């Protein structure tokens, strides 16, 4: 997992997030891949992230 990598939040989930920061505590700061109003970064646990193939 690297900054800039693209993932789905869970298997089969619509939309893609981009890794913005990897924190020491094990959380990952992600942001929606599609820019627009309401797009903001948020923290998630990396356990459920699935690499995006498109």
Protein backbone atom coordinates (compact mmCIF):
# COMPACT_ATOMS: atom_id res chain seq x y z
CA UNK A 1 0.00 0.00 0.00
CA UNK A 2 1.45 3.34 -1.10
CA UNK A 3 0.32 6.94 -1.26
CA UNK A 4 -1.59 7.47 -4.49
CA UNK A 5 -2.79 3.86 -4.78
CA UNK A 6 -6.46 3.40 -5.67
CA UNK A 7 -8.79 1.08 -3.72
CA UNK A 8 -12.41 0.11 -3.24
CA UNK A 9 -13.55 0.47 0.39
CA UNK A 10 -14.80 -3.15 0.41
CA UNK A 11 -15.25 -6.02 -2.07
CA UNK A 12 -17.94 -5.04 -4.56
CA UNK A 13 -18.24 -1.48 -3.25
CA UNK A 14 -18.90 1.21 -5.85
CA UNK A 15 -16.51 4.11 -6.13
CA UNK A 16 -12.79 4.34 -5.65
CA UNK A 17 -10.70 6.03 -2.98
CA UNK A 18 -7.09 7.18 -3.20
CA UNK A 19 -4.57 6.72 -0.38
CA UNK A 20 -3.45 10.18 0.80
CA UNK A 21 -1.54 9.28 3.97
CA UNK A 22 -0.55 6.17 5.92
CA UNK A 23 -0.51 6.83 9.65
CA UNK A 24 1.63 5.12 12.30
CA UNK A 25 -1.42 3.88 14.23
CA UNK A 26 -2.50 1.67 11.33
CA UNK A 27 -5.16 3.99 9.91
CA UNK A 28 -5.14 5.20 6.33
CA UNK A 29 -6.29 8.64 5.16
CA UNK A 30 -8.27 8.23 1.93
CA UNK A 31 -10.16 10.56 -0.38
CA UNK A 32 -12.75 9.83 -3.08
CA UNK A 33 -11.17 9.51 -6.51
CA UNK A 34 -13.88 11.63 -8.17
CA UNK A 35 -13.46 15.33 -7.35
CA UNK A 36 -16.47 17.48 -6.57
CA UNK A 37 -18.49 19.06 -3.80
CA UNK A 38 -18.45 17.08 -0.59
CA UNK A 39 -15.21 15.26 -1.36
CA UNK A 40 -13.06 15.27 1.74
CA UNK A 41 -10.41 12.97 3.23
CA UNK A 42 -11.34 10.51 5.98
CA UNK A 43 -9.62 7.78 8.01
CA UNK A 44 -10.29 4.07 7.50
CA UNK A 45 -8.78 0.80 8.64
CA UNK A 46 -6.92 -0.83 5.74
CA UNK A 47 -8.38 -4.30 6.47
CA UNK A 48 -11.27 -4.01 4.02
CA UNK A 49 -9.57 -2.07 1.21
CA UNK A 50 -9.51 -3.91 -2.12
CA UNK A 51 -7.16 -2.79 -4.92
CA UNK A 52 -9.02 -1.10 -7.78
CA UNK A 53 -8.36 -2.67 -11.15
CA UNK A 54 -9.68 0.19 -13.28
